[in-house]
């Protein structure tokens, strides 16, 4: 919901309502009304808010959990059993940015989505259009690629069973 998203963004940036009102060229009371769901902004004001906070207009006004990119990232981090820092390192991005996105339910930038897509070998549009449940299935398949590659490696090299157990434990511990 827009009112909640605006409040979260404003608080995250540590900006009071009066300062935000000045930046956007509106009255303090207008910001108060936006945040309390009494009033909705014009499209032009939405554009200004979007630009100022660096989020899409869609992210400002929607709270669609099924196709929410933030939810996909949260679930991916959980699925990989990573913390923010580990996930950020894995995709080559800032831990602060990942933490900000997840904790404040903000829409990730195109750059972060591109980094995730590059890491997992999917296109930006695939990431955007896959539902969260479908994306979780994809991540499970990606996770299993390690096991498939390991099985091929073991078969090709004809390792002893004890050595195979050590390799499996190593993959499981990741």
C-alpha atoms as a PDB file:
ATOM      1  CA  UNK A   1       0.000   0.000   0.000  1.00  0.00           C
ATOM      2  CA  UNK A   2       1.327   3.441  -0.967  1.00  0.00           C
ATOM      3  CA  UNK A   3       0.865   5.073   2.445  1.00  0.00           C
ATOM      4  CA  UNK A   4       2.882   2.395   4.218  1.00  0.00           C
ATOM      5  CA  UNK A   5       5.591   2.288   1.542  1.00  0.00           C
ATOM      6  CA  UNK A   6       6.050   6.067   1.644  1.00  0.00           C
ATOM      7  CA  UNK A   7       6.376   6.061   5.429  1.00  0.00           C
ATOM      8  CA  UNK A   8       8.923   3.204   5.349  1.00  0.00           C
ATOM      9  CA  UNK A   9      11.016   4.943   2.712  1.00  0.00           C
ATOM     10  CA  UNK A  10      10.922   8.265   4.527  1.00  0.00           C
ATOM     11  CA  UNK A  11      11.871   6.700   7.855  1.00  0.00           C
ATOM     12  CA  UNK A  12      14.616   4.612   6.294  1.00  0.00           C
ATOM     13  CA  UNK A  13      16.170   7.731   4.789  1.00  0.00           C
ATOM     14  CA  UNK A  14      15.760   9.409   8.190  1.00  0.00           C
ATOM     15  CA  UNK A  15      13.802  12.301   6.687  1.00  0.00           C
ATOM     16  CA  UNK A  16      11.045  14.063   8.578  1.00  0.00           C
ATOM     17  CA  UNK A  17       7.739  14.883   6.913  1.00  0.00           C
ATOM     18  CA  UNK A  18       8.500  18.596   6.740  1.00  0.00           C
ATOM     19  CA  UNK A  19      11.777  18.029   4.861  1.00  0.00           C
ATOM     20  CA  UNK A  20      10.142  15.606   2.433  1.00  0.00           C
ATOM     21  CA  UNK A  21       7.324  18.095   1.843  1.00  0.00           C
ATOM     22  CA  UNK A  22       9.882  20.807   1.002  1.00  0.00           C
ATOM     23  CA  UNK A  23      11.766  18.487  -1.358  1.00  0.00           C
ATOM     24  CA  UNK A  24       8.571  17.517  -3.188  1.00  0.00           C
ATOM     25  CA  UNK A  25       7.098  21.019  -3.178  1.00  0.00           C
ATOM     26  CA  UNK A  26       4.004  20.092  -1.156  1.00  0.00           C
ATOM     27  CA  UNK A  27       2.730  20.969   2.334  1.00  0.00           C
ATOM     28  CA  UNK A  28       3.635  19.019   5.470  1.00  0.00           C
ATOM     29  CA  UNK A  29      -0.022  18.086   5.910  1.00  0.00           C
ATOM     30  CA  UNK A  30      -0.067  16.564   2.408  1.00  0.00           C
ATOM     31  CA  UNK A  31       2.715  14.144   3.369  1.00  0.00           C
ATOM     32  CA  UNK A  32       0.853  13.368   6.602  1.00  0.00           C
ATOM     33  CA  UNK A  33      -2.310  12.626   4.606  1.00  0.00           C
ATOM     34  CA  UNK A  34      -0.410  10.432   2.126  1.00  0.00           C
ATOM     35  CA  UNK A  35       1.101   8.375   4.942  1.00  0.00           C
ATOM     36  CA  UNK A  36      -2.249   7.953   6.683  1.00  0.00           C
ATOM     37  CA  UNK A  37      -4.092   6.903   3.533  1.00  0.00           C
ATOM     38  CA  UNK A  38      -6.359   9.966   3.571  1.00  0.00           C
ATOM     39  CA  UNK A  39      -5.099  11.310   0.262  1.00  0.00           C
ATOM     40  CA  UNK A  40      -3.432   9.896  -2.861  1.00  0.00           C
ATOM     41  CA  UNK A  41      -0.721  11.774  -4.781  1.00  0.00           C
ATOM     42  CA  UNK A  42      -1.013  12.875  -8.391  1.00  0.00           C
ATOM     43  CA  UNK A  43       0.997  10.997 -11.000  1.00  0.00           C
ATOM     44  CA  UNK A  44       3.488  13.869 -11.168  1.00  0.00           C
ATOM     45  CA  UNK A  45       4.021  13.722  -7.392  1.00  0.00           C
ATOM     46  CA  UNK A  46       4.375   9.937  -7.566  1.00  0.00           C
ATOM     47  CA  UNK A  47       7.100  10.444 -10.162  1.00  0.00           C
ATOM     48  CA  UNK A  48       8.898  12.917  -7.890  1.00  0.00           C
ATOM     49  CA  UNK A  49       8.671  10.553  -4.904  1.00  0.00           C
ATOM     50  CA  UNK A  50       9.846   7.635  -7.033  1.00  0.00           C
ATOM     51  CA  UNK A  51      12.790   9.614  -8.346  1.00  0.00           C
ATOM     52  CA  UNK A  52      13.788  10.961  -4.936  1.00  0.00           C
ATOM     53  CA  UNK A  53      13.802   7.539  -3.249  1.00  0.00           C
ATOM     54  CA  UNK A  54      15.175   5.674  -6.254  1.00  0.00           C
ATOM     55  CA  UNK A  55      12.333   3.165  -6.468  1.00  0.00           C
ATOM     56  CA  UNK A  56       9.818   2.414  -9.207  1.00  0.00           C
ATOM     57  CA  UNK A  57       6.317   3.888  -9.094  1.00  0.00           C
ATOM     58  CA  UNK A  58       5.040   0.326  -9.128  1.00  0.00           C
ATOM     59  CA  UNK A  59       7.015  -0.439  -5.962  1.00  0.00           C
ATOM     60  CA  UNK A  60       5.565   2.669  -4.312  1.00  0.00           C
ATOM     61  CA  UNK A  61       1.934   1.826  -4.924  1.00  0.00           C
ATOM     62  CA  UNK A  62       1.840  -1.961  -4.924  1.00  0.00           C
ATOM     63  CA  UNK A  63       2.209  -4.634  -2.325  1.00  0.00           C
ATOM     64  CA  UNK A  64       1.842  -7.695  -4.568  1.00  0.00           C
ATOM     65  CA  UNK A  65       3.536 -10.466  -2.599  1.00  0.00           C
ATOM     66  CA  UNK A  66       3.242 -13.136  -5.305  1.00  0.00           C
ATOM     67  CA  UNK A  67       5.284 -11.311  -7.932  1.00  0.00           C
ATOM     68  CA  UNK A  68       7.208  -8.975  -5.669  1.00  0.00           C
ATOM     69  CA  UNK A  69      10.917  -8.899  -6.519  1.00  0.00           C
ATOM     70  CA  UNK A  70      11.731  -8.166  -2.892  1.00  0.00           C
ATOM     71  CA  UNK A  71       9.911 -11.321  -1.824  1.00  0.00           C
ATOM     72  CA  UNK A  72      11.834 -13.294  -4.431  1.00  0.00           C
ATOM     73  CA  UNK A  73      15.119 -11.978  -3.037  1.00  0.00           C
ATOM     74  CA  UNK A  74      14.058 -12.707   0.564  1.00  0.00           C
ATOM     75  CA  UNK A  75      13.128 -16.263  -0.364  1.00  0.00           C
ATOM     76  CA  UNK A  76      16.322 -16.755  -2.342  1.00  0.00           C
ATOM     77  CA  UNK A  77      18.435 -15.631   0.632  1.00  0.00           C
ATOM     78  CA  UNK A  78      16.466 -17.961   2.896  1.00  0.00           C
ATOM     79  CA  UNK A  79      16.706 -20.867   0.436  1.00  0.00           C
ATOM     80  CA  UNK A  80      20.465 -20.453   0.113  1.00  0.00           C
ATOM     81  CA  UNK A  81      20.765 -20.161   3.902  1.00  0.00           C
ATOM     82  CA  UNK A  82      22.703 -16.899   3.504  1.00  0.00           C
ATOM     83  CA  UNK A  83      22.777 -13.720   5.528  1.00  0.00           C
ATOM     84  CA  UNK A  84      22.653 -10.346   3.742  1.00  0.00           C
ATOM     85  CA  UNK A  85      26.434 -10.054   3.538  1.00  0.00           C
ATOM     86  CA  UNK A  86      26.930 -13.562   2.098  1.00  0.00           C
ATOM     87  CA  UNK A  87      24.203 -13.040  -0.490  1.00  0.00           C
ATOM     88  CA  UNK A  88      25.604  -9.640  -1.465  1.00  0.00           C
ATOM     89  CA  UNK A  89      29.086 -11.117  -1.897  1.00  0.00           C
ATOM     90  CA  UNK A  90      27.667 -13.982  -3.940  1.00  0.00           C
ATOM     91  CA  UNK A  91      26.050 -11.619  -6.445  1.00  0.00           C
ATOM     92  CA  UNK A  92      28.752  -8.943  -6.215  1.00  0.00           C
ATOM     93  CA  UNK A  93      26.624  -6.209  -4.648  1.00  0.00           C
ATOM     94  CA  UNK A  94      26.612  -4.074  -1.488  1.00  0.00           C
ATOM     95  CA  UNK A  95      25.439  -5.781   1.712  1.00  0.00           C
ATOM     96  CA  UNK A  96      23.930  -2.458   2.806  1.00  0.00           C
ATOM     97  CA  UNK A  97      21.783  -2.307  -0.351  1.00  0.00           C
ATOM     98  CA  UNK A  98      20.554  -5.891   0.081  1.00  0.00           C
ATOM     99  CA  UNK A  99      19.758  -5.292   3.750  1.00  0.00           C
ATOM    100  CA  UNK A 100      17.890  -2.080   2.876  1.00  0.00           C
ATOM    101  CA  UNK A 101      15.816  -3.880   0.240  1.00  0.00           C
ATOM    102  CA  UNK A 102      14.908  -6.815   2.459  1.00  0.00           C
ATOM    103  CA  UNK A 103      14.317  -5.058   5.783  1.00  0.00           C
ATOM    104  CA  UNK A 104      12.343  -2.171   4.322  1.00  0.00           C
ATOM    105  CA  UNK A 105      10.581  -4.146   1.602  1.00  0.00           C
ATOM    106  CA  UNK A 106      11.965  -1.866  -1.111  1.00  0.00           C
ATOM    107  CA  UNK A 107      12.021  -2.665  -4.808  1.00  0.00           C
ATOM    108  CA  UNK A 108      15.535  -3.731  -5.852  1.00  0.00           C
ATOM    109  CA  UNK A 109      17.349  -1.682  -8.481  1.00  0.00           C
ATOM    110  CA  UNK A 110      17.764  -3.019 -12.014  1.00  0.00           C
ATOM    111  CA  UNK A 111      21.481  -3.417 -11.271  1.00  0.00           C
ATOM    112  CA  UNK A 112      20.788  -5.773  -8.360  1.00  0.00           C
ATOM    113  CA  UNK A 113      18.266  -7.758 -10.382  1.00  0.00           C
ATOM    114  CA  UNK A 114      20.802  -7.961 -13.223  1.00  0.00           C
ATOM    115  CA  UNK A 115      23.443  -9.276 -10.796  1.00  0.00           C
ATOM    116  CA  UNK A 116      21.054 -11.963  -9.549  1.00  0.00           C
ATOM    117  CA  UNK A 117      20.091 -12.884 -13.113  1.00  0.00           C
ATOM    118  CA  UNK A 118      23.725 -13.124 -14.167  1.00  0.00           C
ATOM    119  CA  UNK A 119      24.551 -15.314 -11.163  1.00  0.00           C
ATOM    120  CA  UNK A 120      21.660 -17.712 -11.855  1.00  0.00           C
ATOM    121  CA  UNK A 121      21.694 -17.585 -15.641  1.00  0.00           C
ATOM    122  CA  UNK A 122      18.251 -16.113 -16.270  1.00  0.00           C
ATOM    123  CA  UNK A 123      17.134 -12.986 -18.111  1.00  0.00           C
ATOM    124  CA  UNK A 124      15.907  -9.848 -16.385  1.00  0.00           C
ATOM    125  CA  UNK A 125      12.429 -10.358 -17.840  1.00  0.00           C
ATOM    126  CA  UNK A 126      12.319 -13.954 -16.563  1.00  0.00           C
ATOM    127  CA  UNK A 127      13.116 -12.721 -13.063  1.00  0.00           C
ATOM    128  CA  UNK A 128      10.469 -10.001 -13.295  1.00  0.00           C
ATOM    129  CA  UNK A 129       7.701 -12.213 -14.696  1.00  0.00           C
ATOM    130  CA  UNK A 130       8.134 -15.431 -12.763  1.00  0.00           C
ATOM    131  CA  UNK A 131       5.787 -15.765  -9.814  1.00  0.00           C
ATOM    132  CA  UNK A 132       7.501 -16.257  -6.466  1.00  0.00           C
ATOM    133  CA  UNK A 133       6.543 -19.945  -6.247  1.00  0.00           C
ATOM    134  CA  UNK A 134       7.899 -20.544  -9.747  1.00  0.00           C
ATOM    135  CA  UNK A 135      11.096 -18.672  -8.854  1.00  0.00           C
ATOM    136  CA  UNK A 136      11.527 -20.836  -5.734  1.00  0.00           C
ATOM    137  CA  UNK A 137      11.260 -23.937  -7.921  1.00  0.00           C
ATOM    138  CA  UNK A 138      13.877 -22.486 -10.252  1.00  0.00           C
ATOM    139  CA  UNK A 139      16.219 -21.815  -7.300  1.00  0.00           C
ATOM    140  CA  UNK A 140      15.753 -25.398  -6.118  1.00  0.00           C
ATOM    141  CA  UNK A 141      16.730 -26.623  -9.585  1.00  0.00           C
ATOM    142  CA  UNK A 142      19.793 -24.342  -9.558  1.00  0.00           C
ATOM    143  CA  UNK A 143      20.732 -25.662  -6.128  1.00  0.00           C
ATOM    144  CA  UNK A 144      20.526 -29.232  -7.432  1.00  0.00           C
ATOM    145  CA  UNK A 145      22.915 -28.476 -10.302  1.00  0.00           C
ATOM    146  CA  UNK A 146      25.766 -28.808  -7.784  1.00  0.00           C
ATOM    147  CA  UNK A 147      24.667 -32.363  -7.019  1.00  0.00           C
ATOM    148  CA  UNK A 148      24.219 -33.244 -10.683  1.00  0.00           C
ATOM    149  CA  UNK A 149      27.652 -31.873 -11.561  1.00  0.00           C
ATOM    150  CA  UNK A 150      29.137 -33.723  -8.605  1.00  0.00           C
ATOM    151  CA  UNK A 151      27.487 -36.995  -9.704  1.00  0.00           C
ATOM    152  CA  UNK A 152      28.909 -36.595 -13.215  1.00  0.00           C
ATOM    153  CA  UNK A 153      32.340 -35.792 -11.774  1.00  0.00           C
ATOM    154  CA  UNK A 154      32.238 -38.870  -9.491  1.00  0.00           C
ATOM    155  CA  UNK A 155      31.128 -41.155 -12.319  1.00  0.00           C
ATOM    156  CA  UNK A 156      33.822 -39.890 -14.684  1.00  0.00           C
ATOM    157  CA  UNK A 157      36.589 -40.284 -12.090  1.00  0.00           C
ATOM    158  CA  UNK A 158      35.403 -43.540 -10.458  1.00  0.00           C
ATOM    159  CA  UNK A 159      36.158 -42.452  -6.883  1.00  0.00           C
ATOM    160  CA  UNK A 160      36.108 -44.718  -3.816  1.00  0.00           C
ATOM    161  CA  UNK A 161      32.896 -44.627  -1.682  1.00  0.00           C
ATOM    162  CA  UNK A 162      34.615 -42.951   1.319  1.00  0.00           C
ATOM    163  CA  UNK A 163      35.925 -40.160  -0.887  1.00  0.00           C
ATOM    164  CA  UNK A 164      32.451 -39.734  -2.415  1.00  0.00           C
ATOM    165  CA  UNK A 165      30.958 -39.305   1.099  1.00  0.00           C
ATOM    166  CA  UNK A 166      33.490 -36.548   1.826  1.00  0.00           C
ATOM    167  CA  UNK A 167      32.604 -34.783  -1.416  1.00  0.00           C
ATOM    168  CA  UNK A 168      28.880 -34.993  -0.647  1.00  0.00           C
ATOM    169  CA  UNK A 169      29.414 -33.589   2.847  1.00  0.00           C
ATOM    170  CA  UNK A 170      31.413 -30.748   1.362  1.00  0.00           C
ATOM    171  CA  UNK A 171      28.600 -29.861  -1.059  1.00  0.00           C
ATOM    172  CA  UNK A 172      25.962 -30.148   1.701  1.00  0.00           C
ATOM    173  CA  UNK A 173      27.900 -27.810   3.988  1.00  0.00           C
ATOM    174  CA  UNK A 174      27.785 -24.949   1.444  1.00  0.00           C
END
